[in-house]
């Protein structure tokens, strides 16, 4: 008896097939790409309400790639009068490779529930694969038991995402990389440091000998060192001893920052109290000027006012969290786009090529077109 086997991946491991089919069974192997069935092989995107502009930007970037026509699947994501979330997908997604673009930022609970319900709707609509693209992964700061009788909420969220039918996670700068181990499905954690490296080399061209990368705490040294190595800059650390949540900690600078252009690197800026205090301490230790590169601009409470009044010259964030009008209006804040890297990561996931190639800022140079030319 002959069996027709459709290979959805471009690569094929013979051992895998022999595990599924006895040696005595003959099989005709047809690469999926040869079937010419665009409605099946094109990736499809869908978005909740958390960051629709980013989702549209990703779709636009993907559409520019080799003439692939990618748009957002039409859907309704609404609230009942009592606040419950309702999702209706208007298009047929049976057999489709679906990517949900939805950060779980503020309001974290609403955006998380939207993601879960969209995934459930797609699963019940017979989508062939569901990938959650979570630019900002909420609850990641609760990745361990910091004291007795506290939850590990990041693990709980991981369980919920898997249970909803999601088969792969694509995210950017997880607060703690060990969160990847909370999942029983593949997790691709991209990094903002390649994007920041391109930006820094562009904006501080001719001044790189004066640049010093600064980690705002001991826990962020690996992230700061990564950027420092990419741009060939030395590393300094602000050692802080934190009290209660929201309180500014006592700080000590490790390293000579006198006369340096300091770049503070971190994954999250929330109320900006610690960040602005770190900038002050660096200036007190003789820094020439202070800039910050922070992946996720949560910017809650008094953050905008603090940044506006800070000695920090610029706060550079990404658009993983949809910026408010106040964020856009703040002259001290500059936003760099993530749509190019997410679009490429989705395409690589879809066609079975490596996502880790996007960890290299030299790879991102052509992806970001003329934004950072000459580096």
Protein backbone atom coordinates (compact mmCIF):
# COMPACT_ATOMS: atom_id res chain seq x y z
CA UNK A 1 0.00 0.00 0.00
CA UNK A 2 1.26 3.49 -0.90
CA UNK A 3 0.94 6.43 1.47
CA UNK A 4 1.07 10.08 0.45
CA UNK A 5 3.08 12.05 3.00
CA UNK A 6 3.00 15.86 2.83
CA UNK A 7 6.12 17.36 4.36
CA UNK A 8 5.15 20.73 5.78
CA UNK A 9 8.73 21.45 6.80
CA UNK A 10 11.35 22.19 4.15
CA UNK A 11 13.75 19.87 5.95
CA UNK A 12 13.14 16.18 6.47
CA UNK A 13 14.59 13.79 9.01
CA UNK A 14 14.29 10.26 7.71
CA UNK A 15 14.43 8.75 11.17
CA UNK A 16 11.26 10.61 12.10
CA UNK A 17 9.35 9.11 9.19
CA UNK A 18 10.65 5.62 9.93
CA UNK A 19 9.32 6.03 13.45
CA UNK A 20 5.89 6.91 12.11
CA UNK A 21 5.80 4.43 9.23
CA UNK A 22 7.11 0.83 9.26
CA UNK A 23 10.07 0.11 7.00
CA UNK A 24 7.86 -2.21 4.94
CA UNK A 25 5.53 0.65 4.08
CA UNK A 26 6.32 2.64 0.96
CA UNK A 27 5.68 6.37 0.98
CA UNK A 28 5.67 9.09 -1.64
CA UNK A 29 7.33 12.20 -0.20
CA UNK A 30 6.07 15.49 -1.59
CA UNK A 31 7.56 18.75 -0.28
CA UNK A 32 4.79 21.03 0.88
CA UNK A 33 6.19 23.90 -1.21
CA UNK A 34 5.46 22.00 -4.43
CA UNK A 35 1.73 21.84 -3.85
CA UNK A 36 1.14 25.49 -4.81
CA UNK A 37 -1.80 25.94 -2.47
CA UNK A 38 -1.47 29.58 -1.30
CA UNK A 39 -4.52 29.48 0.94
CA UNK A 40 -2.79 26.74 2.94
CA UNK A 41 0.85 27.76 2.92
CA UNK A 42 0.61 31.51 3.54
CA UNK A 43 0.89 32.53 7.19
CA UNK A 44 -2.10 34.37 8.59
CA UNK A 45 -2.08 36.98 11.32
CA UNK A 46 -4.76 37.91 13.81
CA UNK A 47 -4.64 40.49 16.58
CA UNK A 48 -6.43 41.44 19.74
CA UNK A 49 -6.80 45.00 20.96
CA UNK A 50 -3.51 45.24 22.89
CA UNK A 51 -1.32 46.62 20.09
CA UNK A 52 -3.16 46.76 16.79
CA UNK A 53 -0.73 49.28 15.21
CA UNK A 54 2.16 46.85 15.73
CA UNK A 55 0.15 43.97 14.27
CA UNK A 56 -0.66 46.04 11.17
CA UNK A 57 2.98 47.06 10.83
CA UNK A 58 4.08 43.41 11.00
CA UNK A 59 1.53 42.45 8.34
CA UNK A 60 2.75 45.27 6.10
CA UNK A 61 6.37 44.19 6.50
CA UNK A 62 5.52 40.58 5.72
CA UNK A 63 3.58 41.63 2.62
CA UNK A 64 6.74 43.32 1.32
CA UNK A 65 8.61 40.00 1.57
CA UNK A 66 8.72 38.17 -1.78
CA UNK A 67 5.29 39.41 -2.75
CA UNK A 68 3.49 37.48 -0.03
CA UNK A 69 0.07 39.03 0.57
CA UNK A 70 -0.44 39.08 4.33
CA UNK A 71 -3.25 40.88 6.10
CA UNK A 72 -4.89 40.63 9.47
CA UNK A 73 -7.66 38.06 9.64
CA UNK A 74 -10.93 39.88 10.15
CA UNK A 75 -12.31 39.23 13.61
CA UNK A 76 -14.42 40.81 16.31
CA UNK A 77 -12.89 41.14 19.78
CA UNK A 78 -15.41 42.90 21.99
CA UNK A 79 -16.73 43.18 25.52
CA UNK A 80 -20.15 42.26 26.84
CA UNK A 81 -21.79 44.76 29.17
CA UNK A 82 -20.44 42.87 32.19
CA UNK A 83 -16.86 43.02 30.87
CA UNK A 84 -16.65 39.47 29.52
CA UNK A 85 -14.66 39.11 26.30
CA UNK A 86 -16.24 37.82 23.10
CA UNK A 87 -14.31 36.77 19.99
CA UNK A 88 -15.68 35.93 16.56
CA UNK A 89 -13.37 35.08 13.64
CA UNK A 90 -15.05 36.11 10.39
CA UNK A 91 -12.73 34.26 7.99
CA UNK A 92 -12.23 30.56 7.39
CA UNK A 93 -9.00 29.49 9.14
CA UNK A 94 -9.33 25.73 8.75
CA UNK A 95 -5.89 24.25 8.10
CA UNK A 96 -4.18 27.64 8.35
CA UNK A 97 -0.88 28.52 10.04
CA UNK A 98 -2.08 31.20 12.47
CA UNK A 99 -0.04 33.82 14.34
CA UNK A 100 -1.74 35.80 17.11
CA UNK A 101 -0.05 39.15 17.80
CA UNK A 102 -0.98 40.22 21.31
CA UNK A 103 1.23 41.65 24.08
CA UNK A 104 -0.12 41.04 27.57
CA UNK A 105 0.57 44.57 28.76
CA UNK A 106 -1.68 46.89 30.76
CA UNK A 107 -4.50 46.01 31.24
CA UNK A 108 -2.65 42.73 31.66
CA UNK A 109 -5.63 40.58 32.65
CA UNK A 110 -7.85 41.78 29.80
CA UNK A 111 -5.12 41.37 27.19
CA UNK A 112 -4.17 37.94 28.48
CA UNK A 113 -7.79 36.78 28.35
CA UNK A 114 -8.14 38.14 24.81
CA UNK A 115 -5.12 36.08 23.78
CA UNK A 116 -6.45 32.92 25.40
CA UNK A 117 -9.93 33.31 23.93
CA UNK A 118 -8.60 34.08 20.43
CA UNK A 119 -6.44 30.95 20.63
CA UNK A 120 -9.42 28.88 21.72
CA UNK A 121 -11.52 30.27 18.87
CA UNK A 122 -8.81 29.37 16.35
CA UNK A 123 -8.36 25.88 17.80
CA UNK A 124 -12.09 25.21 17.59
CA UNK A 125 -12.01 26.53 14.01
CA UNK A 126 -9.47 23.82 13.06
CA UNK A 127 -6.41 26.00 12.49
CA UNK A 128 -3.46 23.71 11.71
CA UNK A 129 -1.01 25.52 13.99
CA UNK A 130 -1.34 28.42 16.44
CA UNK A 131 1.65 30.57 17.36
CA UNK A 132 1.31 33.32 19.94
CA UNK A 133 3.47 36.35 19.18
CA UNK A 134 3.69 38.06 22.57
CA UNK A 135 5.93 41.13 22.14
CA UNK A 136 5.65 41.93 25.86
CA UNK A 137 5.10 38.93 28.13
CA UNK A 138 3.11 40.11 31.14
CA UNK A 139 3.52 38.48 34.57
CA UNK A 140 7.13 37.62 33.68
CA UNK A 141 8.36 39.49 36.75
CA UNK A 142 6.68 36.85 38.92
CA UNK A 143 9.02 34.07 37.79
CA UNK A 144 9.98 32.69 41.22
CA UNK A 145 8.87 32.62 44.83
CA UNK A 146 10.55 35.68 46.29
CA UNK A 147 9.15 34.94 49.74
CA UNK A 148 6.95 32.39 51.49
CA UNK A 149 3.34 31.84 50.37
CA UNK A 150 3.70 33.67 47.03
CA UNK A 151 2.80 32.33 43.56
CA UNK A 152 4.93 31.72 40.50
CA UNK A 153 2.49 33.49 38.21
CA UNK A 154 4.67 33.23 35.10
CA UNK A 155 4.35 29.44 35.29
CA UNK A 156 0.58 29.69 35.77
CA UNK A 157 0.31 31.90 32.67
CA UNK A 158 2.45 29.43 30.71
CA UNK A 159 0.08 26.60 31.63
CA UNK A 160 -2.93 28.66 30.55
CA UNK A 161 -1.39 29.51 27.18
CA UNK A 162 -0.58 25.88 26.41
CA UNK A 163 -4.03 24.71 27.52
CA UNK A 164 -5.69 27.22 25.18
CA UNK A 165 -4.23 25.43 22.15
CA UNK A 166 -1.16 27.57 21.48
CA UNK A 167 1.67 25.45 20.07
CA UNK A 168 4.55 27.93 19.94
CA UNK A 169 5.49 31.20 21.62
CA UNK A 170 7.42 34.03 19.99
CA UNK A 171 8.40 36.87 22.31
CA UNK A 172 11.01 39.58 22.91
CA UNK A 173 13.31 40.02 25.90
CA UNK A 174 11.65 37.86 28.53
CA UNK A 175 12.29 39.32 31.98
CA UNK A 176 13.87 36.01 32.97
CA UNK A 177 15.08 33.59 30.30
CA UNK A 178 14.29 30.58 32.49
CA UNK A 179 10.59 31.26 31.82
CA UNK A 180 11.15 29.38 28.56
CA UNK A 181 11.45 26.26 30.69
CA UNK A 182 7.97 26.81 32.13
CA UNK A 183 6.51 25.76 28.77
CA UNK A 184 6.15 22.31 27.25
CA UNK A 185 6.03 23.90 23.80
CA UNK A 186 8.76 25.71 21.82
CA UNK A 187 9.51 29.27 22.93
CA UNK A 188 11.57 31.62 20.76
CA UNK A 189 12.84 34.52 22.85
CA UNK A 190 14.18 37.28 20.61
CA UNK A 191 16.48 40.01 21.88
CA UNK A 192 16.31 43.79 21.59
CA UNK A 193 20.07 44.22 21.95
CA UNK A 194 20.73 43.77 18.20
CA UNK A 195 18.24 46.56 17.48
CA UNK A 196 19.71 48.76 20.21
CA UNK A 197 23.23 48.09 18.92
CA UNK A 198 22.30 49.39 15.47
CA UNK A 199 20.61 52.41 17.03
CA UNK A 200 23.54 53.23 19.34
CA UNK A 201 26.15 52.90 16.59
CA UNK A 202 24.06 55.24 14.46
CA UNK A 203 23.28 57.91 17.06
CA UNK A 204 26.71 57.91 18.73
CA UNK A 205 28.75 57.64 15.55
CA UNK A 206 32.13 59.27 16.11
CA UNK A 207 31.64 59.17 19.89
CA UNK A 208 31.89 55.44 20.52
CA UNK A 209 35.19 55.78 22.39
CA UNK A 210 33.31 57.70 25.10
CA UNK A 211 30.36 55.31 25.36
CA UNK A 212 29.95 53.06 28.40
CA UNK A 213 27.10 50.57 28.82
CA UNK A 214 25.58 50.47 32.30
CA UNK A 215 23.53 47.73 33.94
CA UNK A 216 21.07 49.25 36.44
CA UNK A 217 21.48 46.24 38.74
CA UNK A 218 23.54 43.09 39.16
CA UNK A 219 20.74 40.91 37.73
CA UNK A 220 20.84 42.72 34.39
CA UNK A 221 24.58 42.36 33.80
CA UNK A 222 24.21 39.68 31.10
CA UNK A 223 21.83 41.87 29.09
CA UNK A 224 24.08 44.93 29.41
CA UNK A 225 27.22 42.93 28.60
CA UNK A 226 25.58 41.68 25.42
CA UNK A 227 25.04 45.22 24.15
CA UNK A 228 28.50 46.30 25.32
CA UNK A 229 30.15 43.51 23.34
CA UNK A 230 28.13 44.31 20.23
CA UNK A 231 29.21 47.95 20.17
CA UNK A 232 32.68 47.46 21.65
CA UNK A 233 32.07 49.48 24.81
CA UNK A 234 33.12 48.91 28.43
CA UNK A 235 30.63 47.90 31.12
CA UNK A 236 29.66 49.49 34.42
CA UNK A 237 27.13 48.43 37.06
CA UNK A 238 24.83 50.34 39.36
CA UNK A 239 24.52 48.21 42.47
CA UNK A 240 21.20 48.89 44.17
CA UNK A 241 19.61 47.64 47.34
CA UNK A 242 15.86 47.74 46.93
CA UNK A 243 13.37 48.19 49.76
CA UNK A 244 9.61 47.94 49.29
CA UNK A 245 8.11 47.77 45.76
CA UNK A 246 8.06 51.23 44.19
CA UNK A 247 10.67 52.65 46.56
CA UNK A 248 13.93 54.01 45.14
CA UNK A 249 16.91 51.98 46.28
CA UNK A 250 20.30 53.00 47.63
CA UNK A 251 22.77 52.95 44.73
CA UNK A 252 26.51 52.54 44.22
CA UNK A 253 28.37 52.76 40.90
CA UNK A 254 30.87 50.01 40.09
CA UNK A 255 33.27 51.31 37.43
CA UNK A 256 34.66 54.69 36.39
CA UNK A 257 32.01 56.60 34.45
CA UNK A 258 33.71 60.01 34.59
CA UNK A 259 33.54 61.75 31.21
CA UNK A 260 31.55 58.89 29.70
CA UNK A 261 28.35 58.83 27.67
CA UNK A 262 26.45 56.24 29.69
CA UNK A 263 23.84 53.94 28.15
CA UNK A 264 21.63 52.29 30.77
CA UNK A 265 20.25 48.98 29.47
CA UNK A 266 17.26 47.11 30.92
CA UNK A 267 14.22 45.13 29.83
CA UNK A 268 11.41 47.03 31.59
CA UNK A 269 10.81 50.61 32.70
CA UNK A 270 7.70 50.83 34.86
CA UNK A 271 7.37 53.87 37.14
CA UNK A 272 10.88 55.04 36.12
CA UNK A 273 11.86 55.92 39.70
CA UNK A 274 14.86 53.61 39.81
CA UNK A 275 15.90 54.48 36.26
CA UNK A 276 15.88 58.24 36.87
CA UNK A 277 17.69 57.81 40.18
CA UNK A 278 20.37 55.72 38.44
CA UNK A 279 20.82 58.50 35.88
CA UNK A 280 21.29 61.01 38.70
CA UNK A 281 23.87 58.81 40.44
CA UNK A 282 25.83 58.39 37.20
CA UNK A 283 25.88 62.15 36.65
CA UNK A 284 27.04 62.64 40.24
CA UNK A 285 29.93 60.28 39.48
CA UNK A 286 31.03 62.45 36.55
CA UNK A 287 29.20 61.01 33.55
CA UNK A 288 29.07 63.39 30.58
CA UNK A 289 25.49 62.42 29.72
CA UNK A 290 23.08 59.55 30.29
CA UNK A 291 20.82 57.76 27.82
CA UNK A 292 18.71 54.65 28.39
CA UNK A 293 17.80 51.70 26.18
CA UNK A 294 14.83 49.86 27.67
CA UNK A 295 12.96 47.19 25.72
CA UNK A 296 9.47 47.44 27.20
CA UNK A 297 8.05 50.87 28.05
CA UNK A 298 5.41 50.04 30.66
CA UNK A 299 5.63 53.65 31.89
CA UNK A 300 2.91 53.58 34.51
CA UNK A 301 1.96 56.14 37.17
CA UNK A 302 4.38 59.10 37.37
CA UNK A 303 6.81 57.64 34.83
CA UNK A 304 6.32 60.24 32.08
CA UNK A 305 6.71 63.15 34.49
CA UNK A 306 9.83 61.60 35.99
CA UNK A 307 11.42 60.99 32.60
CA UNK A 308 10.56 64.52 31.46
CA UNK A 309 12.24 66.04 34.52
CA UNK A 310 15.19 63.64 34.60
CA UNK A 311 18.85 64.42 33.92
CA UNK A 312 18.62 61.60 31.39
CA UNK A 313 18.86 62.99 27.85
CA UNK A 314 16.94 60.24 26.08
CA UNK A 315 14.92 57.15 26.90
CA UNK A 316 14.82 54.77 23.94
CA UNK A 317 12.09 52.12 24.06
CA UNK A 318 10.52 49.73 21.57
CA UNK A 319 6.89 49.57 20.49
CA UNK A 320 6.17 46.16 22.06
CA UNK A 321 3.65 48.00 24.23
CA UNK A 322 1.40 50.40 22.35
CA UNK A 323 2.61 53.89 23.32
CA UNK A 324 0.07 56.29 24.76
CA UNK A 325 -0.34 59.85 23.50
CA UNK A 326 1.60 61.04 26.55
CA UNK A 327 4.51 58.77 25.67
CA UNK A 328 4.52 59.97 22.07
CA UNK A 329 4.45 63.60 23.21
CA UNK A 330 7.37 63.26 25.63
CA UNK A 331 10.42 64.88 24.02
CA UNK A 332 12.79 62.70 26.06
CA UNK A 333 11.36 59.42 24.73
CA UNK A 334 12.23 57.89 21.38
CA UNK A 335 10.55 54.74 20.04
CA UNK A 336 12.26 52.20 17.78
CA UNK A 337 10.10 49.77 15.79
CA UNK A 338 10.05 46.01 16.30
CA UNK A 339 7.83 45.16 13.31
CA UNK A 340 10.81 44.32 11.03
CA UNK A 341 12.26 41.75 13.42
CA UNK A 342 8.88 40.22 14.33
CA UNK A 343 7.90 40.00 10.65
CA UNK A 344 11.13 38.18 9.82
CA UNK A 345 10.80 35.89 12.85
CA UNK A 346 7.26 34.93 11.81
CA UNK A 347 8.40 34.22 8.26
CA UNK A 348 11.29 32.11 9.53
CA UNK A 349 8.94 30.18 11.81
CA UNK A 350 6.49 29.65 8.98
CA UNK A 351 9.04 28.39 6.44
CA UNK A 352 11.06 26.34 8.92
CA UNK A 353 14.28 28.36 8.90
CA UNK A 354 16.35 29.51 11.87
CA UNK A 355 15.07 32.24 14.16
CA UNK A 356 18.38 32.49 16.02
CA UNK A 357 19.92 34.20 12.98
CA UNK A 358 18.02 37.30 14.13
CA UNK A 359 20.20 37.45 17.25
CA UNK A 360 22.96 39.03 15.13
CA UNK A 361 22.66 42.80 14.61
CA UNK A 362 24.47 42.41 11.28
CA UNK A 363 21.58 40.21 10.12
CA UNK A 364 19.11 42.90 11.17
CA UNK A 365 20.91 45.62 9.21
CA UNK A 366 19.22 44.83 5.86
CA UNK A 367 15.95 44.00 7.63
CA UNK A 368 15.86 47.53 9.04
CA UNK A 369 16.60 48.87 5.56
CA UNK A 370 18.01 52.42 5.60
CA UNK A 371 17.26 53.24 9.23
CA UNK A 372 20.80 52.51 10.39
CA UNK A 373 22.88 52.58 7.23
CA UNK A 374 26.64 52.43 7.31
CA UNK A 375 27.09 49.96 10.21
